C-alpha atoms as a PDB file:
ATOM      1  CA  MET A   1      -0.275   0.085   0.158  1.00  0.00           C
ATOM      2  CA  ILE A   2       0.926   3.267  -1.007  1.00  0.00           C
ATOM      3  CA  ARG A   3       1.316   6.063   1.265  1.00  0.00           C
ATOM      4  CA  ILE A   4       1.709   9.102   0.493  1.00  0.00           C
ATOM      5  CA  ASP A   5       2.951  11.530   3.520  1.00  0.00           C
ATOM      6  CA  ILE A   6       2.548  15.352   2.374  1.00  0.00           C
ATOM      7  CA  GLN A   7       3.324  16.554   6.246  1.00  0.00           C
ATOM      8  CA  LYS A   8       6.535  14.369   6.305  1.00  0.00           C
ATOM      9  CA  ALA A   9       7.356  15.949   3.098  1.00  0.00           C
ATOM     10  CA  ARG A  10       6.795  19.769   4.021  1.00  0.00           C
ATOM     11  CA  SER A  11       8.923  19.153   7.435  1.00  0.00           C
ATOM     12  CA  LEU A  12      11.607  17.871   5.472  1.00  0.00           C
ATOM     13  CA  LEU A  13      11.619  20.205   3.241  1.00  0.00           C
ATOM     14  CA  SER A  14      11.449  22.915   5.857  1.00  0.00           C
ATOM     15  CA  ALA A  15      14.702  21.637   7.603  1.00  0.00           C
ATOM     16  CA  ALA A  16      16.686  21.203   4.398  1.00  0.00           C
ATOM     17  CA  LYS A  17      15.696  24.911   3.159  1.00  0.00           C
ATOM     18  CA  ARG A  18      16.896  26.377   6.755  1.00  0.00           C
ATOM     19  CA  ASP A  19      20.007  23.678   6.858  1.00  0.00           C
ATOM     20  CA  TYR A  20      20.578  24.765   3.864  1.00  0.00           C
ATOM     21  CA  GLU A  21      20.324  29.154   4.545  1.00  0.00           C
ATOM     22  CA  PHE A  22      22.833  28.093   7.541  1.00  0.00           C
ATOM     23  CA  THR A  23      25.238  26.548   5.834  1.00  0.00           C
ATOM     24  CA  LEU A  24      25.603  29.079   3.277  1.00  0.00           C
ATOM     25  CA  THR A  25      26.355  31.870   6.292  1.00  0.00           C
ATOM     26  CA  ILE A  26      29.838  29.662   7.461  1.00  0.00           C
ATOM     27  CA  THR A  27      33.079  30.739   5.767  1.00  0.00           C
ATOM     28  CA  PRO A  28      34.607  27.899   4.539  1.00  0.00           C
ATOM     29  CA  SER A  29      38.248  27.266   6.544  1.00  0.00           C
ATOM     30  CA  PRO A  30      40.380  24.120   7.318  1.00  0.00           C
ATOM     31  CA  GLN A  31      37.863  23.952  10.761  1.00  0.00           C
ATOM     32  CA  SER A  32      34.021  24.181   9.135  1.00  0.00           C
ATOM     33  CA  SER A  33      34.498  22.806   6.181  1.00  0.00           C
ATOM     34  CA  ALA A  34      33.736  19.435   7.296  1.00  0.00           C
ATOM     35  CA  THR A  35      30.676  20.262   8.635  1.00  0.00           C
ATOM     36  CA  ILE A  36      29.647  22.671   5.482  1.00  0.00           C
ATOM     37  CA  ILE A  37      29.644  19.418   3.631  1.00  0.00           C
ATOM     38  CA  ARG A  38      27.679  16.873   5.244  1.00  0.00           C
ATOM     39  CA  ASN A  39      25.079  19.979   5.971  1.00  0.00           C
ATOM     40  CA  VAL A  40      25.179  19.954   1.991  1.00  0.00           C
ATOM     41  CA  TYR A  41      25.222  16.999   1.721  1.00  0.00           C
ATOM     42  CA  GLU A  42      22.020  16.536   4.355  1.00  0.00           C
ATOM     43  CA  SER A  43      20.295  19.450   3.069  1.00  0.00           C
ATOM     44  CA  PHE A  44      20.416  17.219  -0.278  1.00  0.00           C
ATOM     45  CA  ARG A  45      19.099  14.323   1.300  1.00  0.00           C
ATOM     46  CA  MET A  46      16.194  16.086   3.185  1.00  0.00           C
ATOM     47  CA  LEU A  47      15.007  16.948  -0.328  1.00  0.00           C
ATOM     48  CA  GLY A  48      15.361  13.698  -1.489  1.00  0.00           C
ATOM     49  CA  GLU A  49      13.480  12.129   0.908  1.00  0.00           C
ATOM     50  CA  ALA A  50      10.721  14.462   0.999  1.00  0.00           C
ATOM     51  CA  ASN A  51      10.235  13.560  -2.620  1.00  0.00           C
ATOM     52  CA  LEU A  52       9.822  10.495  -1.489  1.00  0.00           C
ATOM     53  CA  ALA A  53       7.189  10.915   1.077  1.00  0.00           C
ATOM     54  CA  LEU A  54       5.236  12.676  -1.699  1.00  0.00           C
ATOM     55  CA  SER A  55       5.090   8.884  -4.058  1.00  0.00           C
ATOM     56  CA  GLY A  56       4.814   6.785  -0.665  1.00  0.00           C
ATOM     57  CA  ILE A  57       8.103   5.089  -0.899  1.00  0.00           C
ATOM     58  CA  LYS A  58      10.067   4.869   2.430  1.00  0.00           C
ATOM     59  CA  SER A  59      13.260   5.255   1.238  1.00  0.00           C
ATOM     60  CA  ALA A  60      16.324   2.153   1.918  1.00  0.00           C
ATOM     61  CA  ASP A  61      19.323   4.201   2.304  1.00  0.00           C
ATOM     62  CA  HIS A  62      20.788   7.770   1.626  1.00  0.00           C
ATOM     63  CA  SER A  63      21.836   6.150  -1.919  1.00  0.00           C
ATOM     64  CA  MET A  64      17.746   5.944  -2.886  1.00  0.00           C
ATOM     65  CA  GLN A  65      17.341   9.546  -1.613  1.00  0.00           C
ATOM     66  CA  ILE A  66      20.304  10.964  -3.830  1.00  0.00           C
ATOM     67  CA  GLN A  67      19.288   8.994  -6.365  1.00  0.00           C
ATOM     68  CA  GLU A  68      15.907  10.454  -6.049  1.00  0.00           C
ATOM     69  CA  LEU A  69      16.950  14.402  -6.793  1.00  0.00           C
ATOM     70  CA  ILE A  70      19.703  13.212  -9.834  1.00  0.00           C
ATOM     71  CA  ARG A  71      16.584  11.939 -11.783  1.00  0.00           C
ATOM     72  CA  LEU A  72      14.245  15.194 -10.845  1.00  0.00           C
ATOM     73  CA  PRO A  73      13.838  17.232 -14.507  1.00  0.00           C
ATOM     74  CA  VAL A  74      14.929  20.265 -13.321  1.00  0.00           C
ATOM     75  CA  ASP A  75      17.155  22.796 -14.760  1.00  0.00           C
ATOM     76  CA  THR A  76      20.045  23.274 -12.671  1.00  0.00           C
ATOM     77  CA  LYS A  77      23.904  25.372 -13.013  1.00  0.00           C
ATOM     78  CA  ARG A  78      25.613  22.605 -11.940  1.00  0.00           C
ATOM     79  CA  PRO A  79      24.554  18.523 -13.156  1.00  0.00           C
ATOM     80  CA  LEU A  80      23.059  17.025 -10.056  1.00  0.00           C
ATOM     81  CA  GLN A  81      25.026  13.826 -10.894  1.00  0.00           C
ATOM     82  CA  ALA A  82      27.604  16.217  -8.607  1.00  0.00           C
ATOM     83  CA  LEU A  83      25.753  15.377  -5.327  1.00  0.00           C
ATOM     84  CA  GLN A  84      27.546  12.022  -5.488  1.00  0.00           C
ATOM     85  CA  GLU A  85      31.221  13.295  -5.154  1.00  0.00           C
ATOM     86  CA  ILE A  86      29.633  14.934  -2.086  1.00  0.00           C
ATOM     87  CA  LYS A  87      27.986  11.543  -0.741  1.00  0.00           C
ATOM     88  CA  ARG A  88      31.108  10.405  -1.334  1.00  0.00           C
ATOM     89  CA  ILE A  89      33.078  13.143   0.884  1.00  0.00           C
ATOM     90  CA  ARG A  90      30.654  13.075   3.334  1.00  0.00           C
ATOM     91  CA  HIS A  91      30.922   9.142   3.897  1.00  0.00           C
ATOM     92  CA  SER A  92      34.850   9.526   4.021  1.00  0.00           C
ATOM     93  CA  ILE A  93      34.432  12.402   6.578  1.00  0.00           C
ATOM     94  CA  ASN A  94      31.877  10.222   8.768  1.00  0.00           C
ATOM     95  CA  TYR A  95      33.648   6.899   8.261  1.00  0.00           C
ATOM     96  CA  ASP A  96      37.400   7.454   7.434  1.00  0.00           C
ATOM     97  CA  GLY A  97      38.622  10.414   9.611  1.00  0.00           C
ATOM     98  CA  TYR A  98      38.497  11.916   6.012  1.00  0.00           C
ATOM     99  CA  GLU A  99      39.819  16.175   6.725  1.00  0.00           C
ATOM    100  CA  PRO A 100      38.476  18.352   3.711  1.00  0.00           C
ATOM    101  CA  ARG A 101      39.969  20.643   1.810  1.00  0.00           C
ATOM    102  CA  VAL A 102      38.704  24.368   2.170  1.00  0.00           C
ATOM    103  CA  THR A 103      38.412  23.835  -1.751  1.00  0.00           C
ATOM    104  CA  GLN A 104      36.465  20.974  -1.713  1.00  0.00           C
ATOM    105  CA  ALA A 105      33.692  23.235   0.748  1.00  0.00           C
ATOM    106  CA  GLU A 106      33.503  25.498  -1.771  1.00  0.00           C
ATOM    107  CA  ASP A 107      32.768  23.447  -4.218  1.00  0.00           C
ATOM    108  CA  ALA A 108      30.051  21.743  -1.986  1.00  0.00           C
ATOM    109  CA  LEU A 109      28.719  25.092  -1.497  1.00  0.00           C
ATOM    110  CA  ASP A 110      29.025  26.010  -5.004  1.00  0.00           C
ATOM    111  CA  ILE A 111      26.812  23.239  -5.159  1.00  0.00           C
ATOM    112  CA  ALA A 112      24.122  23.713  -3.540  1.00  0.00           C
ATOM    113  CA  ARG A 113      24.255  27.309  -5.236  1.00  0.00           C
ATOM    114  CA  ALA A 114      23.695  25.836  -8.036  1.00  0.00           C
ATOM    115  CA  CYS A 115      20.907  23.378  -7.639  1.00  0.00           C
ATOM    116  CA  PHE A 116      19.115  23.570  -4.182  1.00  0.00           C
ATOM    117  CA  LEU A 117      16.671  26.041  -4.651  1.00  0.00           C
ATOM    118  CA  SER A 118      15.707  24.929  -8.173  1.00  0.00           C
ATOM    119  CA  CYS A 119      14.827  21.003  -6.632  1.00  0.00           C
ATOM    120  CA  TYR A 120      13.359  22.613  -3.630  1.00  0.00           C
ATOM    121  CA  GLU A 121      11.394  24.302  -5.934  1.00  0.00           C
ATOM    122  CA  LEU A 122      10.197  21.587  -7.979  1.00  0.00           C
ATOM    123  CA  ILE A 123       9.342  19.653  -5.055  1.00  0.00           C
ATOM    124  CA  ILE A 124       7.505  22.437  -3.128  1.00  0.00           C
ATOM    125  CA  GLN A 125       5.303  22.717  -6.710  1.00  0.00           C
ATOM    126  CA  GLU A 126       4.488  18.837  -6.428  1.00  0.00           C
ATOM    127  CA  ILE A 127       3.026  18.814  -2.874  1.00  0.00           C
ATOM    128  CA  GLN A 128       0.673  21.840  -3.788  1.00  0.00           C
ATOM    129  CA  SER A 129      -0.535  20.778  -6.860  1.00  0.00           C
END
């Protein structure tokens, strides 16, 4: 049975946008790079989970949430496939103790600026239709 969860989608969208906007205020540095990458990744992951909730699908893992975003029919200034690299770096940070370079955090912020709002707006439109 498919159970569409609009309230969950709205909640996730709100949290994703709040975290995205906050993350844009963080200045990349050796100390902040891991946090920036984690936050950017998590903001996109929540968008993917929100879109799945609108389809009545319960995700099994983060890969499913990111793939959901990559499949969105949306124009972005950078390819959504770039989210895979953020996912890979975030995994290395969390599970291997990797210390990301400032340039990687700057790139994650650039990807967020280039893609987040387009994805967010498309999912908001889906809720409103």
